[in-house]
Amino acid sequence: MSVDRLNRREFVKMAVIGSAVGSISESACAVNFLSKRRNILMTMETPDVFEGKYKSLKLGLCQIESKQWDVKGNLRRTLEAIETAAAKGAEIAVTPECVLNGYAFDDRGRLLEISERLDGANLRMVCGKAKEHGMAVVIGFAERGSDDRIHNSAAFISQEGKIVDVYRKVHLRPNEDIEREGPFTAGDKFNVNTIKTADGEFKAGTMICFDREIPETMRCLRSLGSEIILCPLATNTSDISKYFNGTDNEIITRCRAAENEVFIAVINHAKRYNGGSFVVGPTGKLVHQMGAEPGVDVIELPVGAVAKKFHSDPLGWMGWGYRRQEVYDKYLK
């Protein structure tokens, strides 16, 4: 068996036996291999994605103060935020969840009236801004689908101003789900899109708010090749630097980023949901977090490190390559 195909237990066994019988070369080979591969060390070294030079992505976090049912005002504030992101050099701008209707859904009839079709005037205006600035946009909105279905959606708009993909929130809480007590019909697929920049191309997945609590969301997006996950949000956040080990949604997001070795950007509503939009890196480390006030922060992220430093290893830093789907399929029905 070659060195590369030996697992850690076999290597440790080889090292111990080699030492016991005096096989110095064999033992040294095993120990040397173990010392060089982070993913099989007892105490893993955490990679630093900001160490070295990697292709980068300028991400605009559009933390907008939305108001419930105020579509006209929310559209104006959204367009202003996109303008600001472009002025600050963003290559993609991301808004909060259901930003156009202010994440209001307690009246399904009213929500149906103001929900957006993909060819609607408001989305056309957002597409126009994307094209004007040559900047991709991900916008959260209530989508009016076929048969008067309403989806909690996020549209991926290209630099050319085209809607190239629409993600429909797959996991809905009871107060959101039409099958229980809410207005929305759940989606049934995940997609990954390409962000084109002067520095290169990056694979971006989209999820929405509660999706991040479900581990399979991230596993699917990772399987599709995501290097960064964009997550429009509408829920309260905590100051990660202050409550580093005591928050629920935030610590879950950090875990999801690390176990899938991707960047995750979470973009929240200002004030009403106390803002706190943030970005975590592929080791789960906090990169940036905003305060509660409305604003647009543009963060340059070394997303190129994901492909070169993490996903290039079939086994992965956190064990991606050790998964055994044939075992899980017996239980995950």
Protein backbone atom coordinates (compact mmCIF):
# COMPACT_ATOMS: atom_id res chain seq x y z
CA MET A 1 0.00 0.00 0.00
CA SER A 2 1.33 3.46 -0.92
CA VAL A 3 2.00 6.14 1.66
CA ASP A 4 -0.83 8.31 0.34
CA ARG A 5 -3.42 5.57 0.79
CA LEU A 6 -2.59 4.73 4.37
CA ASN A 7 -4.95 6.14 6.98
CA ARG A 8 -3.81 7.68 10.24
CA ARG A 9 -4.32 4.53 12.33
CA GLU A 10 -2.18 2.54 9.90
CA PHE A 11 0.50 5.22 9.95
CA VAL A 12 0.62 5.38 13.71
CA LYS A 13 0.79 1.58 13.82
CA MET A 14 3.57 1.61 11.24
CA ALA A 15 5.50 4.21 13.19
CA VAL A 16 5.22 2.29 16.46
CA ILE A 17 6.12 -1.07 14.90
CA GLY A 18 8.91 0.50 12.90
CA SER A 19 10.42 1.99 16.01
CA ALA A 20 10.07 -1.27 17.92
CA VAL A 21 11.84 -3.38 15.30
CA GLY A 22 14.39 -0.77 14.40
CA SER A 23 13.04 -0.02 10.95
CA ILE A 24 14.17 3.60 11.04
CA SER A 25 13.34 4.48 7.46
CA GLU A 26 9.81 3.10 7.64
CA SER A 27 9.12 4.73 10.98
CA ALA A 28 10.57 8.06 9.85
CA CYS A 29 8.50 7.96 6.68
CA ALA A 30 5.31 7.50 8.66
CA VAL A 31 6.12 10.17 11.24
CA ASN A 32 7.20 12.62 8.56
CA PHE A 33 3.98 12.09 6.63
CA LEU A 34 1.90 12.62 9.74
CA SER A 35 3.69 15.84 10.55
CA LYS A 36 3.03 17.30 7.12
CA ARG A 37 -0.68 16.54 6.70
CA ARG A 38 -2.87 18.72 8.90
CA ASN A 39 -6.01 16.71 8.39
CA ILE A 40 -4.56 13.62 10.09
CA LEU A 41 -2.73 15.20 12.95
CA MET A 42 -3.93 14.69 16.50
CA THR A 43 -3.76 18.45 17.02
CA MET A 44 -4.56 20.15 13.73
CA GLU A 45 -2.93 23.39 12.75
CA THR A 46 -5.57 25.93 11.72
CA PRO A 47 -4.80 27.36 8.27
CA ASP A 48 -4.66 31.14 7.97
CA VAL A 49 -6.47 32.20 4.80
CA PHE A 50 -5.03 35.70 5.07
CA GLU A 51 -1.49 34.34 5.02
CA GLY A 52 -0.23 34.35 1.45
CA LYS A 53 -1.66 35.84 -1.73
CA TYR A 54 -4.91 34.46 -3.13
CA LYS A 55 -7.49 35.70 -5.59
CA SER A 56 -9.94 37.92 -3.78
CA LEU A 57 -13.59 38.90 -3.95
CA LYS A 58 -14.94 42.29 -2.89
CA LEU A 59 -18.23 41.57 -1.12
CA GLY A 60 -20.80 44.24 -0.31
CA LEU A 61 -22.86 43.65 2.83
CA CYS A 62 -26.00 45.76 2.33
CA GLN A 63 -27.48 46.02 5.83
CA ILE A 64 -30.71 47.82 5.04
CA GLU A 65 -33.28 49.19 7.46
CA SER A 66 -36.49 47.81 5.97
CA LYS A 67 -40.02 48.55 7.07
CA GLN A 68 -42.85 46.03 6.96
CA TRP A 69 -45.07 46.35 3.86
CA ASP A 70 -43.27 49.51 2.69
CA VAL A 71 -42.29 48.17 -0.74
CA LYS A 72 -41.68 51.58 -2.29
CA GLY A 73 -39.47 52.78 0.56
CA ASN A 74 -37.65 49.47 0.85
CA LEU A 75 -36.93 49.46 -2.88
CA ARG A 76 -35.50 52.96 -2.65
CA ARG A 77 -33.28 52.02 0.29
CA THR A 78 -32.17 48.84 -1.50
CA LEU A 79 -31.20 50.69 -4.67
CA GLU A 80 -29.29 53.25 -2.58
CA ALA A 81 -27.42 50.46 -0.81
CA ILE A 82 -26.50 48.86 -4.13
CA GLU A 83 -25.23 52.23 -5.36
CA THR A 84 -23.12 52.60 -2.22
CA ALA A 85 -21.71 49.10 -2.56
CA ALA A 86 -20.70 49.84 -6.15
CA ALA A 87 -19.11 53.16 -5.15
CA LYS A 88 -17.04 51.31 -2.55
CA GLY A 89 -15.77 48.84 -5.14
CA ALA A 90 -17.94 45.79 -4.45
CA GLU A 91 -18.02 43.04 -7.07
CA ILE A 92 -21.18 41.54 -5.60
CA ALA A 93 -23.76 43.10 -3.26
CA VAL A 94 -26.10 41.08 -1.03
CA THR A 95 -29.29 42.24 0.70
CA PRO A 96 -31.25 40.86 3.67
CA GLU A 97 -34.04 38.28 3.43
CA CYS A 98 -37.33 39.47 1.86
CA VAL A 99 -35.98 43.01 1.87
CA LEU A 100 -38.57 44.49 -0.50
CA ASN A 101 -41.57 43.72 1.70
CA GLY A 102 -39.61 44.10 4.95
CA TYR A 103 -40.02 40.41 5.84
CA ALA A 104 -43.71 40.94 6.59
CA PHE A 105 -45.95 37.92 6.08
CA ASP A 106 -48.66 37.89 8.75
CA ASP A 107 -51.32 38.59 6.08
CA ARG A 108 -51.02 36.14 3.17
CA GLY A 109 -53.51 37.98 0.97
CA ARG A 110 -51.60 41.22 1.34
CA LEU A 111 -48.31 39.42 0.80
CA LEU A 112 -49.62 37.88 -2.41
CA GLU A 113 -50.56 41.32 -3.69
CA ILE A 114 -47.10 42.79 -3.22
CA SER A 115 -45.02 39.68 -3.97
CA GLU A 116 -42.73 39.99 -6.99
CA ARG A 117 -42.84 38.09 -10.23
CA LEU A 118 -39.43 37.54 -11.81
CA ASP A 119 -40.29 39.97 -14.59
CA GLY A 120 -41.76 42.53 -12.19
CA ALA A 121 -40.89 46.22 -12.27
CA ASN A 122 -39.06 46.29 -8.94
CA LEU A 123 -36.71 43.44 -9.83
CA ARG A 124 -36.12 45.03 -13.24
CA MET A 125 -34.90 48.15 -11.45
CA VAL A 126 -32.49 46.08 -9.34
CA CYS A 127 -31.28 44.33 -12.50
CA GLY A 128 -30.74 47.74 -14.08
CA LYS A 129 -28.53 48.82 -11.18
CA ALA A 130 -26.49 45.62 -11.44
CA LYS A 131 -25.94 46.21 -15.16
CA GLU A 132 -25.19 49.91 -14.68
CA HIS A 133 -22.37 49.13 -12.26
CA GLY A 134 -21.22 45.81 -13.72
CA MET A 135 -21.76 44.26 -10.30
CA ALA A 136 -23.55 41.05 -9.34
CA VAL A 137 -26.40 41.30 -6.83
CA VAL A 138 -28.18 38.79 -4.61
CA ILE A 139 -31.52 40.16 -3.44
CA GLY A 140 -33.97 38.57 -1.02
CA PHE A 141 -37.65 38.98 -1.90
CA ALA A 142 -41.10 37.40 -1.68
CA GLU A 143 -41.60 35.76 -5.06
CA ARG A 144 -44.98 35.22 -6.66
CA GLY A 145 -44.83 31.88 -8.42
CA SER A 146 -47.24 29.74 -10.37
CA ASP A 147 -50.72 28.95 -8.97
CA ASP A 148 -50.38 31.90 -6.57
CA ARG A 149 -47.61 30.20 -4.65
CA ILE A 150 -45.36 32.53 -2.67
CA HIS A 151 -41.71 31.66 -2.19
CA ASN A 152 -39.13 33.14 0.17
CA SER A 153 -36.54 33.67 -2.55
CA ALA A 154 -33.16 35.15 -3.38
CA ALA A 155 -32.35 36.10 -6.96
CA PHE A 156 -28.79 35.93 -8.26
CA ILE A 157 -28.39 38.78 -10.75
CA SER A 158 -25.34 38.82 -13.00
CA GLN A 159 -23.05 41.75 -13.79
CA GLU A 160 -24.97 42.00 -17.06
CA GLY A 161 -28.21 42.61 -15.18
CA LYS A 162 -29.77 39.21 -15.87
CA ILE A 163 -31.51 37.01 -13.30
CA VAL A 164 -29.51 33.84 -13.80
CA ASP A 165 -30.83 31.89 -10.84
CA VAL A 166 -33.47 32.03 -8.11
CA TYR A 167 -33.02 30.15 -4.86
CA ARG A 168 -36.24 29.36 -3.01
CA LYS A 169 -35.81 28.74 0.70
CA VAL A 170 -35.91 24.99 1.27
CA HIS A 171 -36.30 24.86 5.05
CA LEU A 172 -39.23 26.80 6.52
CA ARG A 173 -40.23 27.23 10.14
CA PRO A 174 -43.91 26.57 11.01
CA ASN A 175 -44.85 30.27 10.91
CA GLU A 176 -43.43 30.50 7.36
CA ASP A 177 -44.61 27.19 5.88
CA ILE A 178 -47.87 27.00 3.93
CA GLU A 179 -48.13 23.36 5.02
CA ARG A 180 -48.41 24.52 8.62
CA GLU A 181 -49.35 28.09 9.50
CA GLY A 182 -47.38 30.33 7.14
CA PRO A 183 -47.65 31.77 3.61
CA PHE A 184 -44.58 30.36 1.83
CA THR A 185 -44.16 27.28 -0.34
CA ALA A 186 -40.76 25.65 0.22
CA GLY A 187 -38.23 25.24 -2.56
CA ASP A 188 -36.72 21.89 -3.47
CA LYS A 189 -33.25 22.45 -4.90
CA PHE A 190 -29.88 24.07 -4.28
CA ASN A 191 -27.80 25.90 -6.85
CA VAL A 192 -24.33 27.38 -7.18
CA ASN A 193 -23.52 30.34 -9.42
CA THR A 194 -20.32 31.86 -10.74
CA ILE A 195 -19.20 35.32 -9.65
CA LYS A 196 -16.96 36.77 -12.35
CA THR A 197 -14.37 39.34 -11.27
CA ALA A 198 -11.19 40.87 -12.64
CA ASP A 199 -9.26 38.60 -10.28
CA GLY A 200 -10.99 35.37 -11.34
CA GLU A 201 -14.18 33.38 -10.95
CA PHE A 202 -15.69 32.10 -7.71
CA LYS A 203 -18.44 29.59 -7.00
CA ALA A 204 -21.15 31.02 -4.75
CA GLY A 205 -24.05 29.15 -3.18
CA THR A 206 -27.12 30.77 -1.67
CA MET A 207 -29.13 29.85 1.40
CA ILE A 208 -31.62 31.85 3.43
CA CYS A 209 -31.68 32.30 7.22
CA PHE A 210 -33.03 29.08 8.82
CA ASP A 211 -31.39 26.97 6.09
CA ARG A 212 -28.08 27.31 7.94
CA GLU A 213 -29.44 25.41 10.94
CA ILE A 214 -29.87 22.32 8.76
CA PRO A 215 -26.47 20.66 8.13
CA GLU A 216 -27.56 19.13 4.83
CA THR A 217 -27.95 22.62 3.33
CA MET A 218 -24.25 23.27 3.55
CA ARG A 219 -23.32 19.72 2.55
CA CYS A 220 -25.31 20.09 -0.66
CA LEU A 221 -23.81 23.49 -1.46
CA ARG A 222 -20.31 22.21 -0.70
CA SER A 223 -20.93 19.22 -2.97
CA LEU A 224 -21.89 21.61 -5.75
CA GLY A 225 -18.51 23.33 -5.43
CA SER A 226 -19.31 26.41 -3.34
CA GLU A 227 -16.37 28.47 -2.14
CA ILE A 228 -18.55 31.11 -0.51
CA ILE A 229 -22.15 30.89 0.74
CA LEU A 230 -24.33 34.01 0.70
CA CYS A 231 -27.09 34.05 3.31
CA PRO A 232 -29.80 36.76 3.38
CA LEU A 233 -31.15 36.88 6.94
CA ALA A 234 -34.05 38.16 9.03
CA THR A 235 -33.43 37.32 12.68
CA ASN A 236 -31.66 38.78 15.68
CA THR A 237 -27.90 38.39 15.86
CA SER A 238 -25.35 38.66 18.64
CA ASP A 239 -21.96 40.32 18.85
CA ILE A 240 -19.70 37.38 18.05
CA SER A 241 -16.60 39.01 19.49
CA LYS A 242 -18.39 39.53 22.81
CA TYR A 243 -20.32 36.26 23.04
CA PHE A 244 -17.79 34.16 21.18
CA ASN A 245 -18.87 30.82 22.65
CA GLY A 246 -22.38 31.63 23.79
CA THR A 247 -24.48 32.34 20.72
CA ASP A 248 -26.73 29.96 18.84
CA ASN A 249 -27.14 31.02 15.21
CA GLU A 250 -23.71 32.60 15.07
CA ILE A 251 -21.82 29.62 16.47
CA ILE A 252 -23.80 27.34 14.14
CA THR A 253 -22.68 29.47 11.21
CA ARG A 254 -19.06 29.25 12.30
CA CYS A 255 -19.34 25.47 12.58
CA ARG A 256 -20.96 25.18 9.14
CA ALA A 257 -18.18 27.24 7.60
CA ALA A 258 -15.43 25.13 9.18
CA GLU A 259 -16.92 21.71 8.54
CA ASN A 260 -17.44 22.59 4.87
CA GLU A 261 -14.33 24.77 4.47
CA VAL A 262 -16.09 27.77 2.90
CA PHE A 263 -16.68 31.44 3.56
CA ILE A 264 -20.18 32.33 4.77
CA ALA A 265 -21.61 35.84 4.57
CA VAL A 266 -24.79 36.59 6.53
CA ILE A 267 -26.66 39.80 5.67
CA ASN A 268 -29.33 41.03 8.08
CA HIS A 269 -31.88 43.84 8.36
CA ALA A 270 -30.66 46.88 10.30
CA LYS A 271 -32.24 47.97 13.60
CA ARG A 272 -35.43 45.89 13.54
CA TYR A 273 -33.42 42.66 13.64
CA ASN A 274 -30.46 44.47 15.23
CA GLY A 275 -28.20 44.11 12.20
CA GLY A 276 -24.96 42.36 13.04
CA SER A 277 -24.30 41.16 9.47
CA PHE A 278 -21.09 39.15 9.44
CA VAL A 279 -18.60 37.06 7.51
CA VAL A 280 -16.81 33.95 8.74
CA GLY A 281 -13.94 32.19 7.01
CA PRO A 282 -13.40 28.53 6.08
CA THR A 283 -11.90 27.76 9.51
CA GLY A 284 -14.94 29.21 11.29
CA LYS A 285 -13.10 32.36 12.33
CA LEU A 286 -14.96 35.68 12.39
CA VAL A 287 -13.67 37.95 9.63
CA HIS A 288 -15.99 40.93 9.98
CA GLN A 289 -19.19 41.96 11.75
CA MET A 290 -21.29 45.10 11.42
CA GLY A 291 -23.17 46.91 14.16
CA ALA A 292 -26.92 47.48 14.38
CA GLU A 293 -27.20 50.60 12.22
CA PRO A 294 -27.95 50.68 8.48
CA GLY A 295 -24.88 50.70 6.30
CA VAL A 296 -22.87 49.06 3.54
CA ASP A 297 -19.52 47.46 4.28
CA VAL A 298 -17.35 46.15 1.46
CA ILE A 299 -14.96 43.43 2.55
CA GLU A 300 -12.16 41.97 0.42
CA LEU A 301 -12.08 38.23 1.00
CA PRO A 302 -9.35 35.82 -0.16
CA VAL A 303 -11.92 33.37 -1.54
CA GLY A 304 -9.27 31.92 -3.83
CA ALA A 305 -7.73 30.29 -0.74
CA VAL A 306 -10.68 27.90 -0.52
CA ALA A 307 -9.84 26.11 -3.76
CA LYS A 308 -6.08 26.21 -3.25
CA LYS A 309 -5.72 25.64 0.47
CA PHE A 310 -8.77 23.53 1.33
CA HIS A 311 -10.72 21.95 -1.50
CA SER A 312 -7.58 20.94 -3.40
CA ASP A 313 -7.08 18.17 -0.82
CA PRO A 314 -9.59 15.38 -1.53
CA LEU A 315 -9.65 14.49 2.17
CA GLY A 316 -10.19 18.07 3.25
CA TRP A 317 -8.94 19.96 6.27
CA MET A 318 -11.98 18.97 8.35
CA GLY A 319 -12.53 15.52 6.87
CA TRP A 320 -14.70 16.10 3.79
CA GLY A 321 -13.12 13.15 2.00
CA TYR A 322 -13.74 10.74 4.88
CA ARG A 323 -17.53 10.86 4.50
CA ARG A 324 -19.26 7.51 3.86
CA GLN A 325 -22.55 8.17 2.13
CA GLU A 326 -23.36 4.46 1.85
CA VAL A 327 -23.47 4.29 5.65
CA TYR A 328 -25.51 7.46 6.14
CA ASP A 329 -28.09 6.39 3.58
CA LYS A 330 -29.15 3.57 5.91
CA TYR A 331 -30.32 6.09 8.49
CA LEU A 332 -31.03 9.39 6.78
CA LYS A 333 -34.40 8.80 5.16
